[in-house]
Amino acid sequence: MENELTLKRFTDIRRELGYTQTEFADLLGVKNTTADIERGRTKLSGKVVSELLKQFKINPLWLFGESDQKHLDTSKTSVIPKVVTVDNADNDNMVLVNAKAAAGYPQNISDTSWYRQLPAFDLPIPEFRNATYRGFQVEGDSMLPNLRPNDWVLARAIEHIDHVSPNKMYVVVLQDSVMVKKIERKPNSNNITLVSLNEIYPPYEIKPFQIQEIWEVSSKLTFNIDATTETGLLKQLQQSMEELKRQIAK
C-alpha cells in the first residue's frame, strides 16, 4: 500500500483544487469516490497517476515522495494559440468568436475544421500586422465600465504567461470557459489571480496549467443595438473597413 506521504499529497491535491471526493473520482475515472484511496484501502492505480499528470501536471515522483517538484512544466505552460487561421493568401486573418461560439471554444481549441465555421476578416491597419489577432465577444458585465456586454475585443496572441502585464486586459481561455480579465501575479506564488473591473465580482486564483490560451486585448468594438446579429456585425465591420481603406487611399 501507499505510504502516508503519498496519501496525504493525493488528498491535499484534491482539496487544493476544490473537488469533493466524488467529483475528483469522476475526473480521474475512479468508481464512486476517492475516499478509499485517501484512507489507503485502495491502491493508487497507474491510470489515476497518469490522469493527475495529464489534467493537473502533477509530477508522479512528487506524489511518491521522491521529488520536491510538485508540478511538471508549469513554468513552460504554453499559452500560444493552438490553431492559427489564414486567408487564401496565407496571411493570418482574424477569426471572430461570438458569445455562442465561445461556449464551445475551449473544447474545440485544437480542431482546425471548427474554426472554419467562424467568420474571419483582415484588418488593413499597420497595428494589426506581424502578430496573430482574434476577436472575442464580451459576455456579462464583469468588466464594466470599460467593456459592456456584447462589445467585441480584438486581442493579440501572447506566447508566454510571463509576458502578461498587470495594467492590461486579457482574454483568458481556461479548460472550460473564455473570459476577459486583468491578470495579476503575486511574487513567490505560482498562482495567477484573475481580476474583474466590476467590483461586484471578487478576484480569484487559478493555476497556470488551467490556462489554454491568453490574448492581450488591444482594442474594442462597440456596436449599437441593431448590430447584435452576426450578419449585422460583419456588415458594420465591412462598412468600417471600406471607410478605412478610402481614408488610407486618399
C-alpha atoms as a PDB file:
ATOM      1  CA  MET A   1       0.000   0.000   0.000  1.00  0.00           C
ATOM      2  CA  GLU A   2       0.999   3.624  -0.485  1.00  0.00           C
ATOM      3  CA  ASN A   3       2.958   5.409   2.192  1.00  0.00           C
ATOM      4  CA  GLU A   4       1.307   8.079   4.297  1.00  0.00           C
ATOM      5  CA  LEU A   5       3.054  10.922   2.494  1.00  0.00           C
ATOM      6  CA  THR A   6       1.603   9.820  -0.877  1.00  0.00           C
ATOM      7  CA  LEU A   7      -1.912   9.561   0.566  1.00  0.00           C
ATOM      8  CA  LYS A   8      -1.557  12.975   2.200  1.00  0.00           C
ATOM      9  CA  ARG A   9      -0.324  14.508  -1.047  1.00  0.00           C
ATOM     10  CA  PHE A  10      -3.124  12.927  -3.054  1.00  0.00           C
ATOM     11  CA  THR A  11      -5.708  14.257  -0.570  1.00  0.00           C
ATOM     12  CA  ASP A  12      -4.048  17.702  -0.499  1.00  0.00           C
ATOM     13  CA  ILE A  13      -4.224  17.959  -4.297  1.00  0.00           C
ATOM     14  CA  ARG A  14      -7.960  17.254  -4.250  1.00  0.00           C
ATOM     15  CA  ARG A  15      -8.567  19.832  -1.519  1.00  0.00           C
ATOM     16  CA  GLU A  16      -6.389  22.484  -3.176  1.00  0.00           C
ATOM     17  CA  LEU A  17      -8.286  22.040  -6.431  1.00  0.00           C
ATOM     18  CA  GLY A  18     -11.544  22.318  -4.501  1.00  0.00           C
ATOM     19  CA  TYR A  19     -13.141  18.998  -5.510  1.00  0.00           C
ATOM     20  CA  THR A  20     -15.254  16.685  -3.367  1.00  0.00           C
ATOM     21  CA  GLN A  21     -14.216  13.031  -3.188  1.00  0.00           C
ATOM     22  CA  THR A  22     -16.990  12.151  -5.627  1.00  0.00           C
ATOM     23  CA  GLU A  23     -16.120  14.920  -8.137  1.00  0.00           C
ATOM     24  CA  PHE A  24     -12.434  14.012  -8.017  1.00  0.00           C
ATOM     25  CA  ALA A  25     -13.237  10.335  -8.574  1.00  0.00           C
ATOM     26  CA  ASP A  26     -15.314  11.285 -11.598  1.00  0.00           C
ATOM     27  CA  LEU A  27     -12.464  13.349 -13.098  1.00  0.00           C
ATOM     28  CA  LEU A  28      -9.893  10.618 -12.532  1.00  0.00           C
ATOM     29  CA  GLY A  29     -12.072   7.769 -13.779  1.00  0.00           C
ATOM     30  CA  VAL A  30     -12.393   6.125 -10.350  1.00  0.00           C
ATOM     31  CA  LYS A  31     -15.683   4.493  -9.375  1.00  0.00           C
ATOM     32  CA  ASN A  32     -17.853   6.377  -6.853  1.00  0.00           C
ATOM     33  CA  THR A  33     -15.413   8.284  -4.629  1.00  0.00           C
ATOM     34  CA  THR A  34     -11.719   8.721  -3.805  1.00  0.00           C
ATOM     35  CA  ALA A  35     -12.342   8.047  -0.092  1.00  0.00           C
ATOM     36  CA  ASP A  36     -10.836   4.534  -0.178  1.00  0.00           C
ATOM     37  CA  ILE A  37      -7.690   5.762  -1.937  1.00  0.00           C
ATOM     38  CA  GLU A  38      -7.323   8.546   0.628  1.00  0.00           C
ATOM     39  CA  ARG A  39      -7.713   6.071   3.509  1.00  0.00           C
ATOM     40  CA  GLY A  40      -5.162   3.717   1.966  1.00  0.00           C
ATOM     41  CA  ARG A  41      -7.660   0.929   1.333  1.00  0.00           C
ATOM     42  CA  THR A  42      -7.422   1.053  -2.452  1.00  0.00           C
ATOM     43  CA  LYS A  43      -4.174   1.204  -4.393  1.00  0.00           C
ATOM     44  CA  LEU A  44      -3.378   4.378  -6.300  1.00  0.00           C
ATOM     45  CA  SER A  45      -3.549   2.971  -9.821  1.00  0.00           C
ATOM     46  CA  GLY A  46      -1.272   3.907 -12.722  1.00  0.00           C
ATOM     47  CA  LYS A  47      -4.317   5.324 -14.504  1.00  0.00           C
ATOM     48  CA  VAL A  48      -5.030   7.735 -11.645  1.00  0.00           C
ATOM     49  CA  VAL A  49      -1.367   8.811 -11.505  1.00  0.00           C
ATOM     50  CA  SER A  50      -1.348   9.429 -15.272  1.00  0.00           C
ATOM     51  CA  GLU A  51      -4.632  11.375 -15.098  1.00  0.00           C
ATOM     52  CA  LEU A  52      -3.154  13.583 -12.344  1.00  0.00           C
ATOM     53  CA  LEU A  53      -0.198  14.266 -14.609  1.00  0.00           C
ATOM     54  CA  LYS A  54      -2.308  14.809 -17.723  1.00  0.00           C
ATOM     55  CA  GLN A  55      -5.018  17.002 -16.199  1.00  0.00           C
ATOM     56  CA  PHE A  56      -3.193  18.798 -13.410  1.00  0.00           C
ATOM     57  CA  LYS A  57       0.528  18.422 -14.327  1.00  0.00           C
ATOM     58  CA  ILE A  58       1.183  16.640 -11.017  1.00  0.00           C
ATOM     59  CA  ASN A  59       4.678  15.134 -11.006  1.00  0.00           C
ATOM     60  CA  PRO A  60       4.361  11.383 -10.184  1.00  0.00           C
ATOM     61  CA  LEU A  61       7.758  11.459  -8.423  1.00  0.00           C
ATOM     62  CA  TRP A  62       6.499  14.208  -6.123  1.00  0.00           C
ATOM     63  CA  LEU A  63       3.376  12.184  -5.413  1.00  0.00           C
ATOM     64  CA  PHE A  64       5.509   9.239  -4.257  1.00  0.00           C
ATOM     65  CA  GLY A  65       7.787  11.450  -2.161  1.00  0.00           C
ATOM     66  CA  GLU A  66      10.800  11.167  -4.483  1.00  0.00           C
ATOM     67  CA  SER A  67      10.869  14.778  -5.678  1.00  0.00           C
ATOM     68  CA  ASP A  68      10.185  18.246  -4.300  1.00  0.00           C
ATOM     69  CA  GLN A  69       8.899  19.479  -7.648  1.00  0.00           C
ATOM     70  CA  LYS A  70       5.123  19.243  -7.428  1.00  0.00           C
ATOM     71  CA  HIS A  71       4.186  20.321 -10.959  1.00  0.00           C
ATOM     72  CA  LEU A  72       5.891  19.348 -14.157  1.00  0.00           C
ATOM     73  CA  ASP A  73       6.440  22.047 -16.713  1.00  0.00           C
ATOM     74  CA  THR A  74       4.224  24.754 -15.199  1.00  0.00           C
ATOM     75  CA  SER A  75       6.808  27.429 -15.877  1.00  0.00           C
ATOM     76  CA  LYS A  76       6.774  26.446 -19.529  1.00  0.00           C
ATOM     77  CA  THR A  77       2.998  26.380 -19.833  1.00  0.00           C
ATOM     78  CA  SER A  78       2.374  27.343 -23.431  1.00  0.00           C
ATOM     79  CA  VAL A  79      -0.421  29.812 -23.998  1.00  0.00           C
ATOM     80  CA  ILE A  80       0.279  30.181 -27.731  1.00  0.00           C
ATOM     81  CA  PRO A  81      -2.838  29.797 -29.940  1.00  0.00           C
ATOM     82  CA  LYS A  82      -3.441  26.140 -30.680  1.00  0.00           C
ATOM     83  CA  VAL A  83      -4.636  26.957 -34.202  1.00  0.00           C
ATOM     84  CA  VAL A  84      -3.683  29.908 -36.390  1.00  0.00           C
ATOM     85  CA  THR A  85      -6.084  30.595 -39.227  1.00  0.00           C
ATOM     86  CA  VAL A  86      -5.018  32.008 -42.577  1.00  0.00           C
ATOM     87  CA  ASP A  87      -6.750  33.515 -45.569  1.00  0.00           C
ATOM     88  CA  ASN A  88      -6.325  32.453 -49.210  1.00  0.00           C
ATOM     89  CA  ALA A  89      -3.036  34.353 -49.465  1.00  0.00           C
ATOM     90  CA  ASP A  90      -1.662  32.531 -46.418  1.00  0.00           C
ATOM     91  CA  ASN A  91      -1.767  35.631 -44.247  1.00  0.00           C
ATOM     92  CA  ASP A  92      -3.050  35.347 -40.698  1.00  0.00           C
ATOM     93  CA  ASN A  93      -6.633  36.509 -40.538  1.00  0.00           C
ATOM     94  CA  MET A  94      -8.748  37.486 -37.592  1.00  0.00           C
ATOM     95  CA  VAL A  95     -11.369  34.960 -36.547  1.00  0.00           C
ATOM     96  CA  LEU A  96     -14.380  36.307 -34.670  1.00  0.00           C
ATOM     97  CA  VAL A  97     -15.524  34.228 -31.711  1.00  0.00           C
ATOM     98  CA  ASN A  98     -19.027  35.315 -30.724  1.00  0.00           C
ATOM     99  CA  ALA A  99     -20.611  34.542 -27.352  1.00  0.00           C
ATOM    100  CA  LYS A 100     -22.277  31.385 -28.686  1.00  0.00           C
ATOM    101  CA  ALA A 101     -19.054  30.090 -30.253  1.00  0.00           C
ATOM    102  CA  ALA A 102     -17.121  30.938 -27.066  1.00  0.00           C
ATOM    103  CA  ALA A 103     -19.127  28.264 -25.225  1.00  0.00           C
ATOM    104  CA  GLY A 104     -17.537  25.589 -27.441  1.00  0.00           C
ATOM    105  CA  TYR A 105     -14.147  27.238 -27.915  1.00  0.00           C
ATOM    106  CA  PRO A 106     -12.197  25.533 -25.078  1.00  0.00           C
ATOM    107  CA  GLN A 107     -13.264  22.060 -26.216  1.00  0.00           C
ATOM    108  CA  ASN A 108     -12.559  22.738 -29.916  1.00  0.00           C
ATOM    109  CA  ILE A 109      -9.401  24.756 -29.390  1.00  0.00           C
ATOM    110  CA  SER A 110      -7.216  22.406 -31.472  1.00  0.00           C
ATOM    111  CA  ASP A 111      -9.782  21.477 -34.115  1.00  0.00           C
ATOM    112  CA  THR A 112      -8.901  23.348 -37.312  1.00  0.00           C
ATOM    113  CA  SER A 113     -12.174  22.456 -39.020  1.00  0.00           C
ATOM    114  CA  TRP A 114     -14.169  24.018 -36.156  1.00  0.00           C
ATOM    115  CA  TYR A 115     -12.562  27.421 -36.815  1.00  0.00           C
ATOM    116  CA  ARG A 116     -13.670  27.360 -40.440  1.00  0.00           C
ATOM    117  CA  GLN A 117     -17.289  27.877 -39.467  1.00  0.00           C
ATOM    118  CA  LEU A 118     -16.451  31.174 -37.746  1.00  0.00           C
ATOM    119  CA  PRO A 119     -16.431  34.482 -39.616  1.00  0.00           C
ATOM    120  CA  ALA A 120     -12.969  35.910 -40.239  1.00  0.00           C
ATOM    121  CA  PHE A 121     -11.619  39.124 -41.690  1.00  0.00           C
ATOM    122  CA  ASP A 122      -8.427  41.018 -42.361  1.00  0.00           C
ATOM    123  CA  LEU A 123      -7.730  44.466 -40.894  1.00  0.00           C
ATOM    124  CA  PRO A 124      -5.734  46.699 -43.247  1.00  0.00           C
ATOM    125  CA  ILE A 125      -4.130  48.654 -40.397  1.00  0.00           C
ATOM    126  CA  PRO A 126      -0.392  48.543 -39.550  1.00  0.00           C
ATOM    127  CA  GLU A 127      -1.090  47.895 -35.844  1.00  0.00           C
ATOM    128  CA  PHE A 128      -2.649  44.547 -36.750  1.00  0.00           C
ATOM    129  CA  ARG A 129       0.308  43.277 -38.743  1.00  0.00           C
ATOM    130  CA  ASN A 130       3.033  40.841 -37.654  1.00  0.00           C
ATOM    131  CA  ALA A 131       1.018  39.167 -34.928  1.00  0.00           C
ATOM    132  CA  THR A 132      -1.941  36.833 -34.556  1.00  0.00           C
ATOM    133  CA  TYR A 133      -5.149  38.548 -33.532  1.00  0.00           C
ATOM    134  CA  ARG A 134      -8.573  37.152 -32.686  1.00  0.00           C
ATOM    135  CA  GLY A 135     -11.876  38.860 -31.962  1.00  0.00           C
ATOM    136  CA  PHE A 136     -13.912  37.779 -28.916  1.00  0.00           C
ATOM    137  CA  GLN A 137     -17.372  38.914 -27.898  1.00  0.00           C
ATOM    138  CA  VAL A 138     -17.687  40.050 -24.294  1.00  0.00           C
ATOM    139  CA  GLU A 139     -20.231  38.231 -22.165  1.00  0.00           C
ATOM    140  CA  GLY A 140     -21.607  39.595 -18.923  1.00  0.00           C
ATOM    141  CA  ASP A 141     -20.818  42.755 -17.012  1.00  0.00           C
ATOM    142  CA  SER A 142     -17.684  41.778 -15.067  1.00  0.00           C
ATOM    143  CA  MET A 143     -15.525  44.286 -16.975  1.00  0.00           C
ATOM    144  CA  LEU A 144     -17.802  47.309 -16.660  1.00  0.00           C
ATOM    145  CA  PRO A 145     -17.271  50.226 -17.065  1.00  0.00           C
ATOM    146  CA  ASN A 146     -14.557  49.507 -19.693  1.00  0.00           C
ATOM    147  CA  LEU A 147     -16.366  46.733 -21.579  1.00  0.00           C
ATOM    148  CA  ARG A 148     -20.093  46.365 -21.957  1.00  0.00           C
ATOM    149  CA  PRO A 149     -21.883  43.054 -22.536  1.00  0.00           C
ATOM    150  CA  ASN A 150     -21.796  42.150 -26.276  1.00  0.00           C
ATOM    151  CA  ASP A 151     -18.901  44.503 -27.035  1.00  0.00           C
ATOM    152  CA  TRP A 152     -16.101  42.894 -29.020  1.00  0.00           C
ATOM    153  CA  VAL A 153     -12.426  42.940 -28.131  1.00  0.00           C
ATOM    154  CA  LEU A 154      -9.641  42.466 -30.652  1.00  0.00           C
ATOM    155  CA  ALA A 155      -6.797  40.712 -28.916  1.00  0.00           C
ATOM    156  CA  ARG A 156      -3.240  39.712 -29.772  1.00  0.00           C
ATOM    157  CA  ALA A 157      -1.862  36.244 -29.041  1.00  0.00           C
ATOM    158  CA  ILE A 158       0.891  36.122 -26.462  1.00  0.00           C
ATOM    159  CA  GLU A 159       3.432  33.339 -26.214  1.00  0.00           C
ATOM    160  CA  HIS A 160       4.096  33.039 -22.536  1.00  0.00           C
ATOM    161  CA  ILE A 161       2.413  33.756 -19.270  1.00  0.00           C
ATOM    162  CA  ASP A 162       5.458  35.795 -18.187  1.00  0.00           C
ATOM    163  CA  HIS A 163       4.541  38.370 -20.834  1.00  0.00           C
ATOM    164  CA  VAL A 164       1.377  39.498 -19.074  1.00  0.00           C
ATOM    165  CA  SER A 165       1.234  42.958 -17.552  1.00  0.00           C
ATOM    166  CA  PRO A 166      -0.940  43.972 -14.563  1.00  0.00           C
ATOM    167  CA  ASN A 167      -2.322  47.071 -16.348  1.00  0.00           C
ATOM    168  CA  LYS A 168      -3.727  45.359 -19.440  1.00  0.00           C
ATOM    169  CA  MET A 169      -6.848  43.294 -20.066  1.00  0.00           C
ATOM    170  CA  TYR A 170      -6.687  39.751 -21.391  1.00  0.00           C
ATOM    171  CA  VAL A 171      -8.921  37.150 -22.933  1.00  0.00           C
ATOM    172  CA  VAL A 172      -8.163  34.056 -20.837  1.00  0.00           C
ATOM    173  CA  VAL A 173      -9.162  30.684 -22.253  1.00  0.00           C
ATOM    174  CA  LEU A 174      -9.434  28.104 -19.467  1.00  0.00           C
ATOM    175  CA  GLN A 175     -10.230  24.395 -19.815  1.00  0.00           C
ATOM    176  CA  ASP A 176     -13.973  25.122 -19.812  1.00  0.00           C
ATOM    177  CA  SER A 177     -14.575  28.848 -20.339  1.00  0.00           C
ATOM    178  CA  VAL A 178     -13.478  32.032 -22.108  1.00  0.00           C
ATOM    179  CA  MET A 179     -13.347  35.261 -20.113  1.00  0.00           C
ATOM    180  CA  VAL A 180     -11.946  38.780 -20.230  1.00  0.00           C
ATOM    181  CA  LYS A 181      -9.983  39.719 -17.092  1.00  0.00           C
ATOM    182  CA  LYS A 182      -6.993  41.546 -15.737  1.00  0.00           C
ATOM    183  CA  ILE A 183      -4.205  39.204 -14.648  1.00  0.00           C
ATOM    184  CA  GLU A 184      -2.121  39.645 -11.532  1.00  0.00           C
ATOM    185  CA  ARG A 185       0.805  37.529 -10.399  1.00  0.00           C
ATOM    186  CA  LYS A 186       1.878  37.680  -6.789  1.00  0.00           C
ATOM    187  CA  PRO A 187       5.594  37.408  -6.030  1.00  0.00           C
ATOM    188  CA  ASN A 188       6.646  33.953  -4.771  1.00  0.00           C
ATOM    189  CA  SER A 189       3.357  32.410  -5.854  1.00  0.00           C
ATOM    190  CA  ASN A 190       2.828  30.072  -8.765  1.00  0.00           C
ATOM    191  CA  ASN A 191      -0.854  31.024  -8.851  1.00  0.00           C
ATOM    192  CA  ILE A 192      -2.428  33.587 -11.137  1.00  0.00           C
ATOM    193  CA  THR A 193      -5.152  35.963  -9.986  1.00  0.00           C
ATOM    194  CA  LEU A 194      -7.967  36.868 -12.391  1.00  0.00           C
ATOM    195  CA  VAL A 195      -9.425  40.279 -11.601  1.00  0.00           C
ATOM    196  CA  SER A 196     -12.715  41.813 -12.793  1.00  0.00           C
ATOM    197  CA  LEU A 197     -13.033  45.596 -13.152  1.00  0.00           C
ATOM    198  CA  ASN A 198     -16.590  45.455 -11.837  1.00  0.00           C
ATOM    199  CA  GLU A 199     -16.083  45.310  -8.079  1.00  0.00           C
ATOM    200  CA  ILE A 200     -19.163  43.141  -7.534  1.00  0.00           C
ATOM    201  CA  TYR A 201     -17.015  40.231  -8.746  1.00  0.00           C
ATOM    202  CA  PRO A 202     -14.233  39.166  -6.380  1.00  0.00           C
ATOM    203  CA  PRO A 203     -10.828  38.215  -7.821  1.00  0.00           C
ATOM    204  CA  TYR A 204      -9.992  34.525  -7.845  1.00  0.00           C
ATOM    205  CA  GLU A 205      -6.878  32.411  -8.173  1.00  0.00           C
ATOM    206  CA  ILE A 206      -6.118  29.738 -10.740  1.00  0.00           C
ATOM    207  CA  LYS A 207      -3.070  27.588 -11.547  1.00  0.00           C
ATOM    208  CA  PRO A 208      -1.060  28.292 -14.725  1.00  0.00           C
ATOM    209  CA  PHE A 209      -1.787  24.853 -16.212  1.00  0.00           C
ATOM    210  CA  GLN A 210      -5.527  25.598 -16.227  1.00  0.00           C
ATOM    211  CA  ILE A 211      -4.931  28.202 -18.953  1.00  0.00           C
ATOM    212  CA  GLN A 212      -5.024  27.122 -22.590  1.00  0.00           C
ATOM    213  CA  GLU A 213      -4.517  30.483 -24.301  1.00  0.00           C
ATOM    214  CA  ILE A 214      -4.039  34.130 -23.362  1.00  0.00           C
ATOM    215  CA  TRP A 215      -4.809  37.015 -25.709  1.00  0.00           C
ATOM    216  CA  GLU A 216      -3.884  40.610 -24.865  1.00  0.00           C
ATOM    217  CA  VAL A 217      -6.755  42.997 -25.551  1.00  0.00           C
ATOM    218  CA  SER A 218      -5.567  45.730 -27.902  1.00  0.00           C
ATOM    219  CA  SER A 219      -8.831  47.423 -28.841  1.00  0.00           C
ATOM    220  CA  LYS A 220     -12.579  47.104 -28.564  1.00  0.00           C
ATOM    221  CA  LEU A 221     -15.524  47.449 -30.921  1.00  0.00           C
ATOM    222  CA  THR A 222     -18.789  48.757 -29.557  1.00  0.00           C
ATOM    223  CA  PHE A 223     -21.805  48.344 -31.798  1.00  0.00           C
ATOM    224  CA  ASN A 224     -25.235  49.786 -31.485  1.00  0.00           C
ATOM    225  CA  ILE A 225     -28.245  47.699 -30.566  1.00  0.00           C
ATOM    226  CA  ASP A 226     -29.241  46.577 -34.076  1.00  0.00           C
ATOM    227  CA  ALA A 227     -25.856  45.072 -34.912  1.00  0.00           C
ATOM    228  CA  THR A 228     -26.206  42.204 -32.491  1.00  0.00           C
ATOM    229  CA  THR A 229     -26.713  39.582 -35.193  1.00  0.00           C
ATOM    230  CA  GLU A 230     -23.605  38.178 -36.774  1.00  0.00           C
ATOM    231  CA  THR A 231     -24.550  39.379 -40.266  1.00  0.00           C
ATOM    232  CA  GLY A 232     -25.202  42.843 -38.861  1.00  0.00           C
ATOM    233  CA  LEU A 233     -21.822  42.769 -37.175  1.00  0.00           C
ATOM    234  CA  LEU A 234     -19.980  41.691 -40.312  1.00  0.00           C
ATOM    235  CA  LYS A 235     -21.821  44.285 -42.356  1.00  0.00           C
ATOM    236  CA  GLN A 236     -20.773  47.008 -39.956  1.00  0.00           C
ATOM    237  CA  LEU A 237     -17.211  45.711 -39.936  1.00  0.00           C
ATOM    238  CA  GLN A 238     -17.101  45.672 -43.730  1.00  0.00           C
ATOM    239  CA  GLN A 239     -18.500  49.200 -43.893  1.00  0.00           C
ATOM    240  CA  SER A 240     -15.934  50.498 -41.436  1.00  0.00           C
ATOM    241  CA  MET A 241     -13.154  48.633 -43.312  1.00  0.00           C
ATOM    242  CA  GLU A 242     -14.248  50.218 -46.603  1.00  0.00           C
ATOM    243  CA  GLU A 243     -14.260  53.606 -44.906  1.00  0.00           C
ATOM    244  CA  LEU A 244     -10.748  52.964 -43.562  1.00  0.00           C
ATOM    245  CA  LYS A 245      -9.472  51.879 -46.954  1.00  0.00           C
ATOM    246  CA  ARG A 246     -10.926  55.017 -48.538  1.00  0.00           C
ATOM    247  CA  GLN A 247      -9.194  57.186 -45.973  1.00  0.00           C
ATOM    248  CA  ILE A 248      -5.904  55.346 -46.397  1.00  0.00           C
ATOM    249  CA  ALA A 249      -6.118  55.650 -50.182  1.00  0.00           C
ATOM    250  CA  LYS A 250      -6.587  59.436 -50.061  1.00  0.00           C
END
